[in-house]
Amino acid sequence: MKHFFAGIGEMSCVRYLIFSCISLSPLFHVIVIKSELNFFKTLLLIIGIIYFVLLTFSRIYRKYYYKE
């Protein structure tokens, strides 16, 4: 598993920012546009937040804890 997280955390800063914006876009849509939440939007919101946490954890792990 450690190589999986290290591989994801290897991406450049620009790619990380793009993927973070994509994963958090349902959250921005709900907060800024104030659209109603149905089951599908809630599911996308949860998946997006989990993906963002995975990306962030991978970046931190790669930078501070991964030794080759």
PDB file of N, CA and C in Angstrom:
ATOM      1  N   MET A   1       0.807  -1.194   0.000  1.00  0.00           N
ATOM      2  CA  MET A   1       0.000   0.000   0.000  1.00  0.00           C
ATOM      3  C   MET A   1       0.856   1.266   0.000  1.00  0.00           C
ATOM      4  N   LYS A   2       2.037   1.183   0.647  1.00  0.00           N
ATOM      5  CA  LYS A   2       2.851   2.391   0.733  1.00  0.00           C
ATOM      6  C   LYS A   2       3.325   2.840  -0.640  1.00  0.00           C
ATOM      7  N   HIS A   3       3.585   1.914  -1.548  1.00  0.00           N
ATOM      8  CA  HIS A   3       3.998   2.299  -2.892  1.00  0.00           C
ATOM      9  C   HIS A   3       2.829   2.876  -3.689  1.00  0.00           C
ATOM     10  N   PHE A   4       1.608   2.439  -3.378  1.00  0.00           N
ATOM     11  CA  PHE A   4       0.426   3.006  -4.025  1.00  0.00           C
ATOM     12  C   PHE A   4       0.271   4.478  -3.664  1.00  0.00           C
ATOM     13  N   PHE A   5       0.350   4.791  -2.364  1.00  0.00           N
ATOM     14  CA  PHE A   5       0.232   6.182  -1.938  1.00  0.00           C
ATOM     15  C   PHE A   5       1.411   7.022  -2.413  1.00  0.00           C
ATOM     16  N   ALA A   6       2.581   6.449  -2.420  1.00  0.00           N
ATOM     17  CA  ALA A   6       3.751   7.184  -2.894  1.00  0.00           C
ATOM     18  C   ALA A   6       3.643   7.460  -4.391  1.00  0.00           C
ATOM     19  N   GLY A   7       3.086   6.539  -5.148  1.00  0.00           N
ATOM     20  CA  GLY A   7       2.912   6.747  -6.584  1.00  0.00           C
ATOM     21  C   GLY A   7       1.924   7.846  -6.894  1.00  0.00           C
ATOM     22  N   ILE A   8       0.831   7.894  -6.129  1.00  0.00           N
ATOM     23  CA  ILE A   8      -0.140   8.974  -6.328  1.00  0.00           C
ATOM     24  C   ILE A   8       0.460  10.307  -5.902  1.00  0.00           C
ATOM     25  N   GLY A   9       1.227  10.317  -4.816  1.00  0.00           N
ATOM     26  CA  GLY A   9       1.822  11.547  -4.307  1.00  0.00           C
ATOM     27  C   GLY A   9       2.958  12.078  -5.144  1.00  0.00           C
ATOM     28  N   GLU A  10       3.370  11.337  -6.159  1.00  0.00           N
ATOM     29  CA  GLU A  10       4.486  11.742  -7.012  1.00  0.00           C
ATOM     30  C   GLU A  10       4.090  12.810  -8.033  1.00  0.00           C
ATOM     31  N   MET A  11       2.814  13.066  -8.207  1.00  0.00           N
ATOM     32  CA  MET A  11       2.374  14.011  -9.242  1.00  0.00           C
ATOM     33  C   MET A  11       2.843  15.432  -8.937  1.00  0.00           C
ATOM     34  N   SER A  12       2.930  16.222  -9.984  1.00  0.00           N
ATOM     35  CA  SER A  12       3.417  17.598  -9.831  1.00  0.00           C
ATOM     36  C   SER A  12       2.365  18.455  -9.122  1.00  0.00           C
ATOM     37  N   CYS A  13       2.785  19.622  -8.709  1.00  0.00           N
ATOM     38  CA  CYS A  13       1.910  20.518  -7.960  1.00  0.00           C
ATOM     39  C   CYS A  13       0.736  21.001  -8.811  1.00  0.00           C
ATOM     40  N   VAL A  14       0.976  21.260 -10.074  1.00  0.00           N
ATOM     41  CA  VAL A  14      -0.088  21.735 -10.967  1.00  0.00           C
ATOM     42  C   VAL A  14      -1.145  20.649 -11.150  1.00  0.00           C
ATOM     43  N   ARG A  15      -0.707  19.410 -11.367  1.00  0.00           N
ATOM     44  CA  ARG A  15      -1.666  18.304 -11.501  1.00  0.00           C
ATOM     45  C   ARG A  15      -2.430  18.094 -10.201  1.00  0.00           C
ATOM     46  N   TYR A  16      -1.764  18.243  -9.066  1.00  0.00           N
ATOM     47  CA  TYR A  16      -2.435  18.105  -7.780  1.00  0.00           C
ATOM     48  C   TYR A  16      -3.526  19.168  -7.626  1.00  0.00           C
ATOM     49  N   LEU A  17      -3.223  20.404  -7.980  1.00  0.00           N
ATOM     50  CA  LEU A  17      -4.216  21.468  -7.874  1.00  0.00           C
ATOM     51  C   LEU A  17      -5.391  21.241  -8.815  1.00  0.00           C
ATOM     52  N   ILE A  18      -5.126  20.779 -10.027  1.00  0.00           N
ATOM     53  CA  ILE A  18      -6.206  20.502 -10.976  1.00  0.00           C
ATOM     54  C   ILE A  18      -7.099  19.381 -10.461  1.00  0.00           C
ATOM     55  N   PHE A  19      -6.500  18.293 -10.010  1.00  0.00           N
ATOM     56  CA  PHE A  19      -7.289  17.171  -9.494  1.00  0.00           C
ATOM     57  C   PHE A  19      -8.038  17.554  -8.218  1.00  0.00           C
ATOM     58  N   SER A  20      -7.455  18.412  -7.391  1.00  0.00           N
ATOM     59  CA  SER A  20      -8.147  18.862  -6.184  1.00  0.00           C
ATOM     60  C   SER A  20      -9.365  19.705  -6.531  1.00  0.00           C
ATOM     61  N   CYS A  21      -9.220  20.585  -7.491  1.00  0.00           N
ATOM     62  CA  CYS A  21     -10.368  21.398  -7.918  1.00  0.00           C
ATOM     63  C   CYS A  21     -11.469  20.534  -8.523  1.00  0.00           C
ATOM     64  N   ILE A  22     -11.075  19.534  -9.298  1.00  0.00           N
ATOM     65  CA  ILE A  22     -12.068  18.641  -9.883  1.00  0.00           C
ATOM     66  C   ILE A  22     -12.780  17.846  -8.798  1.00  0.00           C
ATOM     67  N   SER A  23     -12.044  17.351  -7.817  1.00  0.00           N
ATOM     68  CA  SER A  23     -12.675  16.534  -6.790  1.00  0.00           C
ATOM     69  C   SER A  23     -13.547  17.352  -5.847  1.00  0.00           C
ATOM     70  N   LEU A  24     -13.229  18.617  -5.650  1.00  0.00           N
ATOM     71  CA  LEU A  24     -14.031  19.454  -4.761  1.00  0.00           C
ATOM     72  C   LEU A  24     -15.085  20.280  -5.488  1.00  0.00           C
ATOM     73  N   SER A  25     -15.213  20.131  -6.808  1.00  0.00           N
ATOM     74  CA  SER A  25     -16.199  20.917  -7.546  1.00  0.00           C
ATOM     75  C   SER A  25     -17.642  20.650  -7.116  1.00  0.00           C
ATOM     76  N   PRO A  26     -18.040  19.409  -6.759  1.00  0.00           N
ATOM     77  CA  PRO A  26     -19.423  19.256  -6.259  1.00  0.00           C
ATOM     78  C   PRO A  26     -19.665  20.040  -4.970  1.00  0.00           C
ATOM     79  N   LEU A  27     -18.653  20.135  -4.114  1.00  0.00           N
ATOM     80  CA  LEU A  27     -18.802  20.898  -2.879  1.00  0.00           C
ATOM     81  C   LEU A  27     -18.980  22.386  -3.178  1.00  0.00           C
ATOM     82  N   PHE A  28     -18.177  22.928  -4.088  1.00  0.00           N
ATOM     83  CA  PHE A  28     -18.326  24.327  -4.485  1.00  0.00           C
ATOM     84  C   PHE A  28     -19.692  24.570  -5.116  1.00  0.00           C
ATOM     85  N   HIS A  29     -20.171  23.622  -5.895  1.00  0.00           N
ATOM     86  CA  HIS A  29     -21.464  23.763  -6.559  1.00  0.00           C
ATOM     87  C   HIS A  29     -22.588  23.838  -5.533  1.00  0.00           C
ATOM     88  N   VAL A  30     -22.511  23.040  -4.506  1.00  0.00           N
ATOM     89  CA  VAL A  30     -23.546  23.041  -3.472  1.00  0.00           C
ATOM     90  C   VAL A  30     -23.465  24.305  -2.627  1.00  0.00           C
ATOM     91  N   ILE A  31     -22.248  24.745  -2.287  1.00  0.00           N
ATOM     92  CA  ILE A  31     -22.101  25.901  -1.404  1.00  0.00           C
ATOM     93  C   ILE A  31     -22.348  27.213  -2.151  1.00  0.00           C
ATOM     94  N   VAL A  32     -21.738  27.395  -3.316  1.00  0.00           N
ATOM     95  CA  VAL A  32     -21.821  28.677  -4.017  1.00  0.00           C
ATOM     96  C   VAL A  32     -23.163  28.839  -4.733  1.00  0.00           C
ATOM     97  N   ILE A  33     -23.571  27.833  -5.487  1.00  0.00           N
ATOM     98  CA  ILE A  33     -24.813  27.941  -6.263  1.00  0.00           C
ATOM     99  C   ILE A  33     -26.031  27.634  -5.405  1.00  0.00           C
ATOM    100  N   LYS A  34     -25.813  26.942  -4.268  1.00  0.00           N
ATOM    101  CA  LYS A  34     -26.871  26.559  -3.345  1.00  0.00           C
ATOM    102  C   LYS A  34     -27.920  25.689  -4.029  1.00  0.00           C
ATOM    103  N   SER A  35     -27.425  24.705  -4.759  1.00  0.00           N
ATOM    104  CA  SER A  35     -28.337  23.784  -5.427  1.00  0.00           C
ATOM    105  C   SER A  35     -28.857  22.765  -4.422  1.00  0.00           C
ATOM    106  N   GLU A  36     -29.999  22.197  -4.745  1.00  0.00           N
ATOM    107  CA  GLU A  36     -30.592  21.224  -3.834  1.00  0.00           C
ATOM    108  C   GLU A  36     -29.814  19.912  -3.893  1.00  0.00           C
ATOM    109  N   LEU A  37     -29.802  19.218  -2.782  1.00  0.00           N
ATOM    110  CA  LEU A  37     -29.074  17.963  -2.702  1.00  0.00           C
ATOM    111  C   LEU A  37     -30.031  16.794  -2.892  1.00  0.00           C
ATOM    112  N   ASN A  38     -29.717  15.962  -3.834  1.00  0.00           N
ATOM    113  CA  ASN A  38     -30.420  14.696  -3.969  1.00  0.00           C
ATOM    114  C   ASN A  38     -29.401  13.584  -3.705  1.00  0.00           C
ATOM    115  N   PHE A  39     -29.822  12.337  -3.862  1.00  0.00           N
ATOM    116  CA  PHE A  39     -28.947  11.215  -3.555  1.00  0.00           C
ATOM    117  C   PHE A  39     -27.704  11.218  -4.442  1.00  0.00           C
ATOM    118  N   PHE A  40     -27.862  11.479  -5.737  1.00  0.00           N
ATOM    119  CA  PHE A  40     -26.742  11.442  -6.673  1.00  0.00           C
ATOM    120  C   PHE A  40     -25.712  12.528  -6.355  1.00  0.00           C
ATOM    121  N   LYS A  41     -26.155  13.737  -6.062  1.00  0.00           N
ATOM    122  CA  LYS A  41     -25.223  14.819  -5.740  1.00  0.00           C
ATOM    123  C   LYS A  41     -24.524  14.562  -4.406  1.00  0.00           C
ATOM    124  N   THR A  42     -25.241  13.978  -3.461  1.00  0.00           N
ATOM    125  CA  THR A  42     -24.626  13.641  -2.186  1.00  0.00           C
ATOM    126  C   THR A  42     -23.550  12.579  -2.374  1.00  0.00           C
ATOM    127  N   LEU A  43     -23.837  11.594  -3.205  1.00  0.00           N
ATOM    128  CA  LEU A  43     -22.860  10.546  -3.487  1.00  0.00           C
ATOM    129  C   LEU A  43     -21.617  11.120  -4.169  1.00  0.00           C
ATOM    130  N   LEU A  44     -21.800  11.989  -5.156  1.00  0.00           N
ATOM    131  CA  LEU A  44     -20.659  12.636  -5.816  1.00  0.00           C
ATOM    132  C   LEU A  44     -19.857  13.497  -4.839  1.00  0.00           C
ATOM    133  N   LEU A  45     -20.547  14.155  -3.938  1.00  0.00           N
ATOM    134  CA  LEU A  45     -19.884  14.983  -2.936  1.00  0.00           C
ATOM    135  C   LEU A  45     -19.014  14.133  -2.019  1.00  0.00           C
ATOM    136  N   ILE A  46     -19.529  13.006  -1.572  1.00  0.00           N
ATOM    137  CA  ILE A  46     -18.768  12.124  -0.686  1.00  0.00           C
ATOM    138  C   ILE A  46     -17.570  11.528  -1.413  1.00  0.00           C
ATOM    139  N   ILE A  47     -17.767  11.068  -2.643  1.00  0.00           N
ATOM    140  CA  ILE A  47     -16.662  10.505  -3.421  1.00  0.00           C
ATOM    141  C   ILE A  47     -15.589  11.560  -3.692  1.00  0.00           C
ATOM    142  N   GLY A  48     -16.001  12.785  -4.002  1.00  0.00           N
ATOM    143  CA  GLY A  48     -15.046  13.862  -4.255  1.00  0.00           C
ATOM    144  C   GLY A  48     -14.220  14.210  -3.033  1.00  0.00           C
ATOM    145  N   ILE A  49     -14.853  14.247  -1.867  1.00  0.00           N
ATOM    146  CA  ILE A  49     -14.125  14.560  -0.639  1.00  0.00           C
ATOM    147  C   ILE A  49     -13.152  13.432  -0.293  1.00  0.00           C
ATOM    148  N   ILE A  50     -13.579  12.179  -0.464  1.00  0.00           N
ATOM    149  CA  ILE A  50     -12.681  11.047  -0.207  1.00  0.00           C
ATOM    150  C   ILE A  50     -11.486  11.093  -1.157  1.00  0.00           C
ATOM    151  N   TYR A  51     -11.729  11.430  -2.432  1.00  0.00           N
ATOM    152  CA  TYR A  51     -10.636  11.520  -3.403  1.00  0.00           C
ATOM    153  C   TYR A  51      -9.667  12.648  -3.033  1.00  0.00           C
ATOM    154  N   PHE A  52     -10.189  13.782  -2.572  1.00  0.00           N
ATOM    155  CA  PHE A  52      -9.330  14.882  -2.166  1.00  0.00           C
ATOM    156  C   PHE A  52      -8.484  14.505  -0.956  1.00  0.00           C
ATOM    157  N   VAL A  53      -9.068  13.820   0.007  1.00  0.00           N
ATOM    158  CA  VAL A  53      -8.316  13.379   1.181  1.00  0.00           C
ATOM    159  C   VAL A  53      -7.232  12.392   0.766  1.00  0.00           C
ATOM    160  N   LEU A  54      -7.547  11.490  -0.160  1.00  0.00           N
ATOM    161  CA  LEU A  54      -6.564  10.530  -0.658  1.00  0.00           C
ATOM    162  C   LEU A  54      -5.399  11.245  -1.348  1.00  0.00           C
ATOM    163  N   LEU A  55      -5.711  12.232  -2.177  1.00  0.00           N
ATOM    164  CA  LEU A  55      -4.655  12.995  -2.845  1.00  0.00           C
ATOM    165  C   LEU A  55      -3.767  13.724  -1.846  1.00  0.00           C
ATOM    166  N   THR A  56      -4.381  14.358  -0.866  1.00  0.00           N
ATOM    167  CA  THR A  56      -3.623  15.122   0.117  1.00  0.00           C
ATOM    168  C   THR A  56      -2.758  14.204   0.983  1.00  0.00           C
ATOM    169  N   PHE A  57      -3.333  13.093   1.428  1.00  0.00           N
ATOM    170  CA  PHE A  57      -2.572  12.137   2.220  1.00  0.00           C
ATOM    171  C   PHE A  57      -1.390  11.592   1.418  1.00  0.00           C
ATOM    172  N   SER A  58      -1.601  11.332   0.145  1.00  0.00           N
ATOM    173  CA  SER A  58      -0.527  10.804  -0.697  1.00  0.00           C
ATOM    174  C   SER A  58       0.595  11.813  -0.876  1.00  0.00           C
ATOM    175  N   ARG A  59       0.246  13.071  -1.053  1.00  0.00           N
ATOM    176  CA  ARG A  59       1.280  14.099  -1.193  1.00  0.00           C
ATOM    177  C   ARG A  59       2.099  14.239   0.085  1.00  0.00           C
ATOM    178  N   ILE A  60       1.433  14.242   1.230  1.00  0.00           N
ATOM    179  CA  ILE A  60       2.132  14.365   2.506  1.00  0.00           C
ATOM    180  C   ILE A  60       3.005  13.149   2.746  1.00  0.00           C
ATOM    181  N   TYR A  61       2.474  11.959   2.459  1.00  0.00           N
ATOM    182  CA  TYR A  61       3.239  10.733   2.671  1.00  0.00           C
ATOM    183  C   TYR A  61       4.472  10.701   1.777  1.00  0.00           C
ATOM    184  N   ARG A  62       4.304  11.077   0.514  1.00  0.00           N
ATOM    185  CA  ARG A  62       5.431  11.047  -0.429  1.00  0.00           C
ATOM    186  C   ARG A  62       6.515  12.039  -0.013  1.00  0.00           C
ATOM    187  N   LYS A  63       6.100  13.201   0.460  1.00  0.00           N
ATOM    188  CA  LYS A  63       7.070  14.240   0.766  1.00  0.00           C
ATOM    189  C   LYS A  63       7.839  13.975   2.065  1.00  0.00           C
ATOM    190  N   TYR A  64       7.162  13.464   3.094  1.00  0.00           N
ATOM    191  CA  TYR A  64       7.789  13.396   4.404  1.00  0.00           C
ATOM    192  C   TYR A  64       8.143  11.988   4.878  1.00  0.00           C
ATOM    193  N   TYR A  65       7.421  10.962   4.437  1.00  0.00           N
ATOM    194  CA  TYR A  65       7.592   9.655   5.044  1.00  0.00           C
ATOM    195  C   TYR A  65       8.124   8.577   4.113  1.00  0.00           C
ATOM    196  N   TYR A  66       8.087   8.774   2.823  1.00  0.00           N
ATOM    197  CA  TYR A  66       8.493   7.733   1.880  1.00  0.00           C
ATOM    198  C   TYR A  66       9.996   7.774   1.668  1.00  0.00           C
ATOM    199  N   LYS A  67      10.635   6.682   1.931  1.00  0.00           N
ATOM    200  CA  LYS A  67      12.083   6.566   1.703  1.00  0.00           C
ATOM    201  C   LYS A  67      12.319   5.518   0.642  1.00  0.00           C
ATOM    202  N   GLU A  68      13.075   5.863  -0.396  1.00  0.00           N
ATOM    203  CA  GLU A  68      13.346   4.920  -1.478  1.00  0.00           C
ATOM    204  C   GLU A  68      14.503   4.017  -1.145  1.00  0.00           C
TER     205      GLU A  68
END
